[in-house]
C-alpha atoms as a PDB file:
ATOM      1  CA  UNK A   1      39.619  22.017-206.747  1.00  0.00           C
ATOM      2  CA  UNK A   2      37.060  19.864-208.596  1.00  0.00           C
ATOM      3  CA  UNK A   3      39.873  17.557-209.667  1.00  0.00           C
ATOM      4  CA  UNK A   4      41.201  17.226-206.064  1.00  0.00           C
ATOM      5  CA  UNK A   5      37.744  16.404-204.739  1.00  0.00           C
ATOM      6  CA  UNK A   6      37.070  13.869-207.560  1.00  0.00           C
ATOM      7  CA  UNK A   7      40.411  12.165-206.690  1.00  0.00           C
ATOM      8  CA  UNK A   8      39.509  11.990-202.940  1.00  0.00           C
ATOM      9  CA  UNK A   9      36.087  10.454-203.752  1.00  0.00           C
ATOM     10  CA  UNK A  10      37.692   7.759-205.879  1.00  0.00           C
ATOM     11  CA  UNK A  11      40.591   6.653-203.607  1.00  0.00           C
ATOM     12  CA  UNK A  12      39.054   7.140-200.124  1.00  0.00           C
ATOM     13  CA  UNK A  13      38.012   4.063-198.342  1.00  0.00           C
ATOM     14  CA  UNK A  14      34.561   3.631-196.551  1.00  0.00           C
ATOM     15  CA  UNK A  15      34.282   5.790-193.597  1.00  0.00           C
ATOM     16  CA  UNK A  16      35.460   4.571-190.216  1.00  0.00           C
ATOM     17  CA  UNK A  17      32.008   5.391-188.854  1.00  0.00           C
ATOM     18  CA  UNK A  18      30.524   2.185-190.466  1.00  0.00           C
ATOM     19  CA  UNK A  19      29.525  -0.754-188.461  1.00  0.00           C
ATOM     20  CA  UNK A  20      31.161  -3.049-190.972  1.00  0.00           C
ATOM     21  CA  UNK A  21      34.949  -2.717-190.979  1.00  0.00           C
ATOM     22  CA  UNK A  22      36.998  -4.369-193.695  1.00  0.00           C
ATOM     23  CA  UNK A  23      40.735  -4.311-194.082  1.00  0.00           C
ATOM     24  CA  UNK A  24      44.150  -5.943-194.393  1.00  0.00           C
ATOM     25  CA  UNK A  25      46.510  -6.459-191.545  1.00  0.00           C
ATOM     26  CA  UNK A  26      50.073  -7.822-191.394  1.00  0.00           C
ATOM     27  CA  UNK A  27      50.375  -9.494-187.911  1.00  0.00           C
ATOM     28  CA  UNK A  28      53.945  -9.489-186.739  1.00  0.00           C
ATOM     29  CA  UNK A  29      55.394 -12.187-184.445  1.00  0.00           C
ATOM     30  CA  UNK A  30      54.578 -11.650-180.795  1.00  0.00           C
ATOM     31  CA  UNK A  31      52.529  -8.512-181.249  1.00  0.00           C
ATOM     32  CA  UNK A  32      48.808  -7.494-181.181  1.00  0.00           C
ATOM     33  CA  UNK A  33      47.081  -5.703-184.060  1.00  0.00           C
ATOM     34  CA  UNK A  34      43.889  -3.777-183.265  1.00  0.00           C
ATOM     35  CA  UNK A  35      41.347  -4.209-185.958  1.00  0.00           C
ATOM     36  CA  UNK A  36      38.398  -1.910-184.989  1.00  0.00           C
ATOM     37  CA  UNK A  37      36.344  -0.641-182.036  1.00  0.00           C
ATOM     38  CA  UNK A  38      32.665  -0.057-181.360  1.00  0.00           C
ATOM     39  CA  UNK A  39      30.611   1.357-178.525  1.00  0.00           C
ATOM     40  CA  UNK A  40      27.595  -0.752-177.300  1.00  0.00           C
ATOM     41  CA  UNK A  41      24.546   0.207-175.297  1.00  0.00           C
ATOM     42  CA  UNK A  42      23.658  -1.586-171.986  1.00  0.00           C
ATOM     43  CA  UNK A  43      20.823  -3.554-170.477  1.00  0.00           C
ATOM     44  CA  UNK A  44      20.482  -5.816-167.410  1.00  0.00           C
ATOM     45  CA  UNK A  45      18.868  -8.636-169.202  1.00  0.00           C
ATOM     46  CA  UNK A  46      19.198  -8.325-173.074  1.00  0.00           C
ATOM     47  CA  UNK A  47      22.243  -8.814-175.316  1.00  0.00           C
ATOM     48  CA  UNK A  48      23.820  -5.405-175.687  1.00  0.00           C
ATOM     49  CA  UNK A  49      26.180  -5.991-178.586  1.00  0.00           C
ATOM     50  CA  UNK A  50      27.108  -8.509-181.359  1.00  0.00           C
ATOM     51  CA  UNK A  51      30.412  -8.890-183.228  1.00  0.00           C
ATOM     52  CA  UNK A  52      30.403 -10.947-186.362  1.00  0.00           C
ATOM     53  CA  UNK A  53      34.131 -11.526-187.427  1.00  0.00           C
ATOM     54  CA  UNK A  54      35.566 -13.081-190.395  1.00  0.00           C
ATOM     55  CA  UNK A  55      39.277 -13.752-190.659  1.00  0.00           C
ATOM     56  CA  UNK A  56      41.032 -15.032-193.789  1.00  0.00           C
ATOM     57  CA  UNK A  57      44.672 -15.489-194.973  1.00  0.00           C
ATOM     58  CA  UNK A  58      44.714 -14.218-198.617  1.00  0.00           C
ATOM     59  CA  UNK A  59      46.055 -16.330-201.402  1.00  0.00           C
ATOM     60  CA  UNK A  60      45.340 -19.601-199.471  1.00  0.00           C
ATOM     61  CA  UNK A  61      48.784 -19.248-197.774  1.00  0.00           C
ATOM     62  CA  UNK A  62      49.492 -21.931-195.143  1.00  0.00           C
ATOM     63  CA  UNK A  63      50.598 -20.874-191.784  1.00  0.00           C
ATOM     64  CA  UNK A  64      51.394 -23.063-188.854  1.00  0.00           C
ATOM     65  CA  UNK A  65      51.744 -20.326-186.165  1.00  0.00           C
ATOM     66  CA  UNK A  66      49.522 -19.631-183.091  1.00  0.00           C
ATOM     67  CA  UNK A  67      47.199 -16.665-183.066  1.00  0.00           C
ATOM     68  CA  UNK A  68      44.179 -15.484-180.957  1.00  0.00           C
ATOM     69  CA  UNK A  69      41.205 -13.245-181.598  1.00  0.00           C
ATOM     70  CA  UNK A  70      40.887 -10.895-178.655  1.00  0.00           C
ATOM     71  CA  UNK A  71      38.013  -8.613-177.260  1.00  0.00           C
ATOM     72  CA  UNK A  72      38.955  -5.962-174.923  1.00  0.00           C
ATOM     73  CA  UNK A  73      36.892  -3.231-173.259  1.00  0.00           C
ATOM     74  CA  UNK A  74      37.647   0.293-172.008  1.00  0.00           C
ATOM     75  CA  UNK A  75      38.006  -0.810-168.382  1.00  0.00           C
ATOM     76  CA  UNK A  76      41.528  -0.228-166.858  1.00  0.00           C
ATOM     77  CA  UNK A  77      41.969  -3.986-166.010  1.00  0.00           C
ATOM     78  CA  UNK A  78      41.318  -4.888-169.667  1.00  0.00           C
ATOM     79  CA  UNK A  79      42.865  -1.829-171.405  1.00  0.00           C
ATOM     80  CA  UNK A  80      45.527  -0.500-169.064  1.00  0.00           C
ATOM     81  CA  UNK A  81      47.105   1.969-171.381  1.00  0.00           C
ATOM     82  CA  UNK A  82      46.174   3.604-174.589  1.00  0.00           C
ATOM     83  CA  UNK A  83      49.876   3.618-175.793  1.00  0.00           C
ATOM     84  CA  UNK A  84      50.154   0.898-178.443  1.00  0.00           C
ATOM     85  CA  UNK A  85      53.848   0.652-177.629  1.00  0.00           C
ATOM     86  CA  UNK A  86      52.905  -0.867-174.249  1.00  0.00           C
ATOM     87  CA  UNK A  87      50.740  -3.550-175.880  1.00  0.00           C
ATOM     88  CA  UNK A  88      53.571  -4.507-178.262  1.00  0.00           C
ATOM     89  CA  UNK A  89      55.794  -5.229-175.253  1.00  0.00           C
ATOM     90  CA  UNK A  90      53.363  -7.754-173.725  1.00  0.00           C
ATOM     91  CA  UNK A  91      53.940 -11.406-173.785  1.00  0.00           C
ATOM     92  CA  UNK A  92      51.230 -13.787-175.219  1.00  0.00           C
ATOM     93  CA  UNK A  93      50.071 -14.748-171.703  1.00  0.00           C
ATOM     94  CA  UNK A  94      49.859 -11.126-170.633  1.00  0.00           C
ATOM     95  CA  UNK A  95      47.685 -10.292-173.824  1.00  0.00           C
ATOM     96  CA  UNK A  96      45.223 -13.149-173.014  1.00  0.00           C
ATOM     97  CA  UNK A  97      45.090 -12.104-169.372  1.00  0.00           C
ATOM     98  CA  UNK A  98      43.999  -8.507-170.152  1.00  0.00           C
ATOM     99  CA  UNK A  99      41.477  -9.583-172.744  1.00  0.00           C
ATOM    100  CA  UNK A 100      37.804  -9.959-171.824  1.00  0.00           C
ATOM    101  CA  UNK A 101      37.218 -12.773-174.293  1.00  0.00           C
ATOM    102  CA  UNK A 102      39.584 -14.745-176.504  1.00  0.00           C
ATOM    103  CA  UNK A 103      39.641 -17.692-178.806  1.00  0.00           C
ATOM    104  CA  UNK A 104      42.373 -19.506-180.731  1.00  0.00           C
ATOM    105  CA  UNK A 105      42.327 -18.891-184.386  1.00  0.00           C
ATOM    106  CA  UNK A 106      42.293 -22.130-186.603  1.00  0.00           C
ATOM    107  CA  UNK A 107      45.018 -21.453-189.057  1.00  0.00           C
ATOM    108  CA  UNK A 108      43.703 -24.241-191.319  1.00  0.00           C
ATOM    109  CA  UNK A 109      40.333 -22.609-191.471  1.00  0.00           C
ATOM    110  CA  UNK A 110      41.588 -18.996-192.079  1.00  0.00           C
ATOM    111  CA  UNK A 111      43.709 -20.263-195.038  1.00  0.00           C
ATOM    112  CA  UNK A 112      40.393 -21.522-196.734  1.00  0.00           C
ATOM    113  CA  UNK A 113      38.488 -19.383-199.140  1.00  0.00           C
ATOM    114  CA  UNK A 114      35.722 -18.747-196.684  1.00  0.00           C
ATOM    115  CA  UNK A 115      37.994 -18.024-193.839  1.00  0.00           C
ATOM    116  CA  UNK A 116      37.124 -18.582-190.171  1.00  0.00           C
ATOM    117  CA  UNK A 117      34.046 -16.783-188.619  1.00  0.00           C
ATOM    118  CA  UNK A 118      33.181 -15.923-185.142  1.00  0.00           C
ATOM    119  CA  UNK A 119      29.945 -14.582-183.667  1.00  0.00           C
ATOM    120  CA  UNK A 120      30.338 -13.006-180.229  1.00  0.00           C
ATOM    121  CA  UNK A 121      27.401 -11.792-178.055  1.00  0.00           C
ATOM    122  CA  UNK A 122      28.166  -9.225-175.353  1.00  0.00           C
ATOM    123  CA  UNK A 123      26.381  -8.367-172.210  1.00  0.00           C
ATOM    124  CA  UNK A 124      26.520  -4.812-170.674  1.00  0.00           C
ATOM    125  CA  UNK A 125      24.625  -4.190-167.420  1.00  0.00           C
ATOM    126  CA  UNK A 126      26.131  -0.905-166.088  1.00  0.00           C
ATOM    127  CA  UNK A 127      26.974   1.727-168.736  1.00  0.00           C
ATOM    128  CA  UNK A 128      27.752   2.018-172.540  1.00  0.00           C
ATOM    129  CA  UNK A 129      31.193   0.612-173.121  1.00  0.00           C
ATOM    130  CA  UNK A 130      33.827   0.687-175.872  1.00  0.00           C
ATOM    131  CA  UNK A 131      34.941  -2.739-177.173  1.00  0.00           C
ATOM    132  CA  UNK A 132      38.135  -3.388-179.177  1.00  0.00           C
ATOM    133  CA  UNK A 133      38.744  -6.279-181.668  1.00  0.00           C
ATOM    134  CA  UNK A 134      42.258  -7.427-181.967  1.00  0.00           C
ATOM    135  CA  UNK A 135      44.501 -10.200-183.264  1.00  0.00           C
ATOM    136  CA  UNK A 136      47.410 -11.444-181.252  1.00  0.00           C
ATOM    137  CA  UNK A 137      50.187 -13.477-182.674  1.00  0.00           C
ATOM    138  CA  UNK A 138      51.883 -15.965-180.271  1.00  0.00           C
ATOM    139  CA  UNK A 139      54.358 -17.435-182.687  1.00  0.00           C
ATOM    140  CA  UNK A 140      57.673 -16.556-184.198  1.00  0.00           C
ATOM    141  CA  UNK A 141      56.343 -15.936-187.676  1.00  0.00           C
ATOM    142  CA  UNK A 142      54.518 -13.047-189.481  1.00  0.00           C
ATOM    143  CA  UNK A 143      51.384 -13.669-191.439  1.00  0.00           C
ATOM    144  CA  UNK A 144      48.977 -11.533-193.519  1.00  0.00           C
ATOM    145  CA  UNK A 145      45.220 -11.299-192.636  1.00  0.00           C
ATOM    146  CA  UNK A 146      42.125  -9.894-194.207  1.00  0.00           C
ATOM    147  CA  UNK A 147      39.210  -9.196-191.889  1.00  0.00           C
ATOM    148  CA  UNK A 148      35.591  -8.300-191.885  1.00  0.00           C
ATOM    149  CA  UNK A 149      34.093  -7.143-188.641  1.00  0.00           C
ATOM    150  CA  UNK A 150      30.295  -6.422-188.390  1.00  0.00           C
ATOM    151  CA  UNK A 151      29.231  -4.803-185.099  1.00  0.00           C
ATOM    152  CA  UNK A 152      25.561  -4.455-184.233  1.00  0.00           C
ATOM    153  CA  UNK A 153      23.766  -2.573-181.415  1.00  0.00           C
ATOM    154  CA  UNK A 154      20.502  -4.627-181.141  1.00  0.00           C
ATOM    155  CA  UNK A 155      19.170  -2.411-178.343  1.00  0.00           C
ATOM    156  CA  UNK A 156      19.092   0.649-180.595  1.00  0.00           C
ATOM    157  CA  UNK A 157      16.394  -0.896-182.920  1.00  0.00           C
ATOM    158  CA  UNK A 158      16.603   0.658-186.345  1.00  0.00           C
ATOM    159  CA  UNK A 159      19.861   2.339-185.464  1.00  0.00           C
ATOM    160  CA  UNK A 160      21.509  -1.030-184.590  1.00  0.00           C
ATOM    161  CA  UNK A 161      24.290  -0.387-187.170  1.00  0.00           C
ATOM    162  CA  UNK A 162      25.436   2.726-185.411  1.00  0.00           C
ATOM    163  CA  UNK A 163      27.915   2.841-182.576  1.00  0.00           C
ATOM    164  CA  UNK A 164      26.289   4.154-179.265  1.00  0.00           C
ATOM    165  CA  UNK A 165      28.272   7.325-179.483  1.00  0.00           C
ATOM    166  CA  UNK A 166      26.708   8.075-182.787  1.00  0.00           C
ATOM    167  CA  UNK A 167      23.122   7.205-181.899  1.00  0.00           C
ATOM    168  CA  UNK A 168      20.697   9.893-182.890  1.00  0.00           C
ATOM    169  CA  UNK A 169      22.958  11.346-185.723  1.00  0.00           C
ATOM    170  CA  UNK A 170      20.121  10.941-188.243  1.00  0.00           C
ATOM    171  CA  UNK A 171      17.817  13.090-186.152  1.00  0.00           C
ATOM    172  CA  UNK A 172      20.599  15.636-185.419  1.00  0.00           C
ATOM    173  CA  UNK A 173      21.253  15.989-189.114  1.00  0.00           C
ATOM    174  CA  UNK A 174      17.400  16.525-189.813  1.00  0.00           C
ATOM    175  CA  UNK A 175      17.220  19.165-187.037  1.00  0.00           C
ATOM    176  CA  UNK A 176      20.255  21.168-188.262  1.00  0.00           C
ATOM    177  CA  UNK A 177      19.011  20.869-191.961  1.00  0.00           C
ATOM    178  CA  UNK A 178      15.682  22.347-191.061  1.00  0.00           C
ATOM    179  CA  UNK A 179      17.471  25.149-189.118  1.00  0.00           C
ATOM    180  CA  UNK A 180      19.800  25.935-192.006  1.00  0.00           C
ATOM    181  CA  UNK A 181      17.127  25.745-194.531  1.00  0.00           C
ATOM    182  CA  UNK A 182      14.920  28.254-192.567  1.00  0.00           C
ATOM    183  CA  UNK A 183      17.915  30.551-192.163  1.00  0.00           C
ATOM    184  CA  UNK A 184      18.743  30.271-195.954  1.00  0.00           C
ATOM    185  CA  UNK A 185      15.087  30.996-196.848  1.00  0.00           C
ATOM    186  CA  UNK A 186      15.110  34.041-194.624  1.00  0.00           C
ATOM    187  CA  UNK A 187      18.291  35.209-196.048  1.00  0.00           C
ATOM    188  CA  UNK A 188      17.058  34.914-199.586  1.00  0.00           C
ATOM    189  CA  UNK A 189      13.841  36.704-198.690  1.00  0.00           C
ATOM    190  CA  UNK A 190      15.847  39.470-197.246  1.00  0.00           C
ATOM    191  CA  UNK A 191      18.093  39.793-200.330  1.00  0.00           C
ATOM    192  CA  UNK A 192      14.892  39.936-202.514  1.00  0.00           C
ATOM    193  CA  UNK A 193      13.381  42.577-200.277  1.00  0.00           C
ATOM    194  CA  UNK A 194      16.589  44.616-200.210  1.00  0.00           C
ATOM    195  CA  UNK A 195      16.973  44.335-204.011  1.00  0.00           C
ATOM    196  CA  UNK A 196      13.835  46.358-204.646  1.00  0.00           C
ATOM    197  CA  UNK A 197      15.092  49.618-203.228  1.00  0.00           C
ATOM    198  CA  UNK A 198      18.854  49.321-202.551  1.00  0.00           C
ATOM    199  CA  UNK A 199      22.085  47.550-203.837  1.00  0.00           C
ATOM    200  CA  UNK A 200      22.529  45.793-200.516  1.00  0.00           C
ATOM    201  CA  UNK A 201      21.656  42.508-201.984  1.00  0.00           C
ATOM    202  CA  UNK A 202      24.900  42.508-203.944  1.00  0.00           C
ATOM    203  CA  UNK A 203      27.018  43.499-200.990  1.00  0.00           C
ATOM    204  CA  UNK A 204      29.993  41.051-200.531  1.00  0.00           C
ATOM    205  CA  UNK A 205      29.149  40.260-196.885  1.00  0.00           C
ATOM    206  CA  UNK A 206      25.496  39.408-197.875  1.00  0.00           C
ATOM    207  CA  UNK A 207      26.760  37.118-200.525  1.00  0.00           C
ATOM    208  CA  UNK A 208      29.271  35.325-198.259  1.00  0.00           C
ATOM    209  CA  UNK A 209      26.654  34.765-195.509  1.00  0.00           C
ATOM    210  CA  UNK A 210      24.316  33.383-198.083  1.00  0.00           C
ATOM    211  CA  UNK A 211      26.922  31.004-199.422  1.00  0.00           C
ATOM    212  CA  UNK A 212      27.820  29.900-195.932  1.00  0.00           C
ATOM    213  CA  UNK A 213      24.181  29.086-195.202  1.00  0.00           C
ATOM    214  CA  UNK A 214      23.732  27.176-198.492  1.00  0.00           C
ATOM    215  CA  UNK A 215      26.914  25.165-197.771  1.00  0.00           C
ATOM    216  CA  UNK A 216      25.886  24.294-194.185  1.00  0.00           C
ATOM    217  CA  UNK A 217      22.454  23.122-195.435  1.00  0.00           C
ATOM    218  CA  UNK A 218      24.098  21.095-198.223  1.00  0.00           C
ATOM    219  CA  UNK A 219      26.534  19.363-195.678  1.00  0.00           C
ATOM    220  CA  UNK A 220      23.628  18.338-193.525  1.00  0.00           C
ATOM    221  CA  UNK A 221      21.902  16.757-196.580  1.00  0.00           C
ATOM    222  CA  UNK A 222      25.009  14.665-197.386  1.00  0.00           C
ATOM    223  CA  UNK A 223      25.682  13.747-193.779  1.00  0.00           C
ATOM    224  CA  UNK A 224      22.040  12.573-193.380  1.00  0.00           C
ATOM    225  CA  UNK A 225      22.435  10.410-196.495  1.00  0.00           C
ATOM    226  CA  UNK A 226      25.643   9.009-195.046  1.00  0.00           C
ATOM    227  CA  UNK A 227      24.277   8.012-191.700  1.00  0.00           C
ATOM    228  CA  UNK A 228      21.031   6.782-193.103  1.00  0.00           C
ATOM    229  CA  UNK A 229      23.015   4.410-195.424  1.00  0.00           C
ATOM    230  CA  UNK A 230      24.766   3.011-192.303  1.00  0.00           C
ATOM    231  CA  UNK A 231      21.558   2.380-190.619  1.00  0.00           C
ATOM    232  CA  UNK A 232      20.236   0.465-193.527  1.00  0.00           C
ATOM    233  CA  UNK A 233      23.200  -1.513-194.659  1.00  0.00           C
ATOM    234  CA  UNK A 234      25.960  -0.967-192.145  1.00  0.00           C
ATOM    235  CA  UNK A 235      28.209   0.910-194.576  1.00  0.00           C
ATOM    236  CA  UNK A 236      28.229   4.488-195.842  1.00  0.00           C
ATOM    237  CA  UNK A 237      29.911   5.919-198.927  1.00  0.00           C
ATOM    238  CA  UNK A 238      33.055   8.023-198.667  1.00  0.00           C
ATOM    239  CA  UNK A 239      32.051  10.233-201.575  1.00  0.00           C
ATOM    240  CA  UNK A 240      28.822  11.377-199.769  1.00  0.00           C
ATOM    241  CA  UNK A 241      30.712  11.689-196.484  1.00  0.00           C
ATOM    242  CA  UNK A 242      33.624  13.682-197.936  1.00  0.00           C
ATOM    243  CA  UNK A 243      31.153  15.924-199.872  1.00  0.00           C
ATOM    244  CA  UNK A 244      29.314  16.657-196.533  1.00  0.00           C
ATOM    245  CA  UNK A 245      32.557  17.342-194.676  1.00  0.00           C
ATOM    246  CA  UNK A 246      33.840  19.600-197.528  1.00  0.00           C
ATOM    247  CA  UNK A 247      30.655  21.749-197.551  1.00  0.00           C
ATOM    248  CA  UNK A 248      30.773  21.947-193.778  1.00  0.00           C
ATOM    249  CA  UNK A 249      34.432  23.199-194.095  1.00  0.00           C
ATOM    250  CA  UNK A 250      33.322  25.624-196.731  1.00  0.00           C
ATOM    251  CA  UNK A 251      30.598  27.019-194.399  1.00  0.00           C
ATOM    252  CA  UNK A 252      33.035  27.552-191.615  1.00  0.00           C
ATOM    253  CA  UNK A 253      35.389  29.265-194.200  1.00  0.00           C
ATOM    254  CA  UNK A 254      32.592  31.625-195.050  1.00  0.00           C
ATOM    255  CA  UNK A 255      32.132  32.641-191.445  1.00  0.00           C
ATOM    256  CA  UNK A 256      35.967  33.123-191.051  1.00  0.00           C
ATOM    257  CA  UNK A 257      35.780  35.335-194.317  1.00  0.00           C
ATOM    258  CA  UNK A 258      33.102  37.519-192.773  1.00  0.00           C
ATOM    259  CA  UNK A 259      35.003  37.957-189.498  1.00  0.00           C
ATOM    260  CA  UNK A 260      38.237  38.801-191.339  1.00  0.00           C
ATOM    261  CA  UNK A 261      36.571  41.185-193.652  1.00  0.00           C
ATOM    262  CA  UNK A 262      34.898  43.090-190.728  1.00  0.00           C
ATOM    263  CA  UNK A 263      38.091  42.979-188.632  1.00  0.00           C
ATOM    264  CA  UNK A 264      40.016  44.664-191.569  1.00  0.00           C
ATOM    265  CA  UNK A 265      37.138  47.120-192.099  1.00  0.00           C
ATOM    266  CA  UNK A 266      36.662  45.753-195.556  1.00  0.00           C
ATOM    267  CA  UNK A 267      33.089  46.173-196.936  1.00  0.00           C
ATOM    268  CA  UNK A 268      32.231  48.267-193.878  1.00  0.00           C
ATOM    269  CA  UNK A 269      34.366  51.393-193.748  1.00  0.00           C
ATOM    270  CA  UNK A 270      35.944  50.988-197.094  1.00  0.00           C
ATOM    271  CA  UNK A 271      35.094  48.984-200.172  1.00  0.00           C
ATOM    272  CA  UNK A 272      36.556  45.607-201.180  1.00  0.00           C
ATOM    273  CA  UNK A 273      39.384  46.315-203.654  1.00  0.00           C
ATOM    274  CA  UNK A 274      40.706  44.177-206.430  1.00  0.00           C
ATOM    275  CA  UNK A 275      43.875  43.551-204.472  1.00  0.00           C
ATOM    276  CA  UNK A 276      42.084  42.535-201.310  1.00  0.00           C
ATOM    277  CA  UNK A 277      40.493  39.338-202.471  1.00  0.00           C
ATOM    278  CA  UNK A 278      43.814  37.667-203.599  1.00  0.00           C
ATOM    279  CA  UNK A 279      45.237  38.547-200.141  1.00  0.00           C
ATOM    280  CA  UNK A 280      42.244  37.021-198.319  1.00  0.00           C
ATOM    281  CA  UNK A 281      42.420  33.901-200.408  1.00  0.00           C
ATOM    282  CA  UNK A 282      46.060  33.468-199.617  1.00  0.00           C
ATOM    283  CA  UNK A 283      45.316  33.529-195.821  1.00  0.00           C
ATOM    284  CA  UNK A 284      42.076  31.557-195.676  1.00  0.00           C
ATOM    285  CA  UNK A 285      42.326  28.989-198.457  1.00  0.00           C
ATOM    286  CA  UNK A 286      45.434  27.071-197.038  1.00  0.00           C
ATOM    287  CA  UNK A 287      43.989  27.268-193.571  1.00  0.00           C
ATOM    288  CA  UNK A 288      40.572  25.848-194.556  1.00  0.00           C
ATOM    289  CA  UNK A 289      41.979  23.193-196.781  1.00  0.00           C
ATOM    290  CA  UNK A 290      44.402  22.080-194.187  1.00  0.00           C
ATOM    291  CA  UNK A 291      41.712  21.868-191.490  1.00  0.00           C
ATOM    292  CA  UNK A 292      39.519  19.844-193.763  1.00  0.00           C
ATOM    293  CA  UNK A 293      42.293  17.415-194.662  1.00  0.00           C
ATOM    294  CA  UNK A 294      43.501  17.075-191.010  1.00  0.00           C
ATOM    295  CA  UNK A 295      39.944  16.320-190.101  1.00  0.00           C
ATOM    296  CA  UNK A 296      39.642  13.591-192.597  1.00  0.00           C
ATOM    297  CA  UNK A 297      43.025  12.120-191.743  1.00  0.00           C
ATOM    298  CA  UNK A 298      42.219  12.159-188.034  1.00  0.00           C
ATOM    299  CA  UNK A 299      39.000  10.224-188.544  1.00  0.00           C
ATOM    300  CA  UNK A 300      40.783   7.533-190.561  1.00  0.00           C
ATOM    301  CA  UNK A 301      43.953   7.312-188.505  1.00  0.00           C
ATOM    302  CA  UNK A 302      44.965   3.890-187.198  1.00  0.00           C
ATOM    303  CA  UNK A 303      45.242   5.140-183.640  1.00  0.00           C
ATOM    304  CA  UNK A 304      41.326   5.459-183.565  1.00  0.00           C
ATOM    305  CA  UNK A 305      41.173   1.555-183.412  1.00  0.00           C
ATOM    306  CA  UNK A 306      42.775   1.409-180.049  1.00  0.00           C
ATOM    307  CA  UNK A 307      41.825   4.569-178.274  1.00  0.00           C
ATOM    308  CA  UNK A 308      38.362   5.895-177.155  1.00  0.00           C
ATOM    309  CA  UNK A 309      38.889   9.269-178.842  1.00  0.00           C
END
């Protein structure tokens, strides 16, 4: 298990929650490729959001095609369908028609070492809104593209690097950390108190509950570090984020273990036998591991760049 986690920490990219998105895209002829999304706050007078975009063709390849940088929002007029297949069927004129903002990409500039940069200021006067960054190819040629998109929420102050749907995550992590620490301390105190007169402190259910509380508190520490890194520099570290998610999944697994033990009458009406533990592990380990991996996969899936999920 330790080798598995170490491998995940090394190969995983930066979390998709970051305000700075970096990546590589292969834009095919006549199609649109969604790069990232971000949710901005709103204000009647002030700038609500900023996109700083840099596009570059790697290896200084020359390309004479026509391409556009597009911005779309979550309104039906701009984003009529969350099915990416519909967008691939649009003509270039239809892509530009549905976009809220567009600008032609200078292929000579993107082939340079520094690439081409765009700075886009957005105004939102009614409600928080999702915005999508995309590149549309309007030529009969394919071309590779590396991109860096830095989104900022200036109305959120020190949380400007966070998407509006994640505003307050630092405070939420602190609150749940304090709750879990208080529960863990109460649990340890109860264990020490029980150990004076009885053997209940070594009871399997007590141990599992204690482990679950410790894992939950540890997950909040790592998630706090992750979101705090984003608020400072716009990027978090996957190793910290995955560790937090793994401890969170472990805490849930401890709760499931307690419920399963009680439902089977183990540690309640009859003691936990030597054959019971392998049977429980065979049921819970694959389930918890699959849930953990599916959650990570879902958060990094490419579909998240063109939906509001």
